[in-house]
């Protein structure tokens, strides 16, 4: 579970970076999916 992974990251800065990367990755994936459909 992703929540457990974030909970295990004691370094707040690292967990923040991971979240940003995950959110950015999801955003890019959505763009690719929408772009492919159009």
Protein backbone atom coordinates (compact mmCIF):
# COMPACT_ATOMS: atom_id res chain seq x y z
CA UNK A 1 0.00 0.00 0.00
CA UNK A 2 1.39 3.41 -0.98
CA UNK A 3 0.29 4.96 2.31
CA UNK A 4 2.42 2.46 4.24
CA UNK A 5 5.44 3.28 2.07
CA UNK A 6 5.07 7.02 2.76
CA UNK A 7 4.65 6.26 6.46
CA UNK A 8 7.93 4.32 6.49
CA UNK A 9 9.86 7.28 5.04
CA UNK A 10 10.97 9.05 8.21
CA UNK A 11 12.81 11.75 6.27
CA UNK A 12 10.08 14.29 5.55
CA UNK A 13 12.02 15.88 2.69
CA UNK A 14 12.52 12.55 0.93
CA UNK A 15 8.86 11.58 1.28
CA UNK A 16 7.86 14.97 -0.11
CA UNK A 17 10.13 14.46 -3.15
CA UNK A 18 8.67 10.98 -3.69
CA UNK A 19 5.12 12.33 -3.57
CA UNK A 20 5.96 15.07 -6.09
CA UNK A 21 7.50 12.49 -8.44
CA UNK A 22 4.48 10.18 -8.10
CA UNK A 23 2.02 13.04 -8.69
CA UNK A 24 4.06 14.28 -11.68
CA UNK A 25 4.19 10.74 -13.08
CA UNK A 26 0.42 10.35 -12.76
CA UNK A 27 -0.07 13.74 -14.45
CA UNK A 28 2.18 12.75 -17.36
CA UNK A 29 0.42 9.39 -17.69
CA UNK A 30 -2.97 11.13 -17.86
CA UNK A 31 -1.64 13.53 -20.53
CA UNK A 32 -0.35 10.58 -22.58
CA UNK A 33 -3.68 8.75 -22.28
CA UNK A 34 -5.72 11.84 -23.19
CA UNK A 35 -3.31 12.72 -26.01
CA UNK A 36 -3.56 9.20 -27.44
CA UNK A 37 -7.37 9.32 -27.33
CA UNK A 38 -7.49 12.67 -29.13
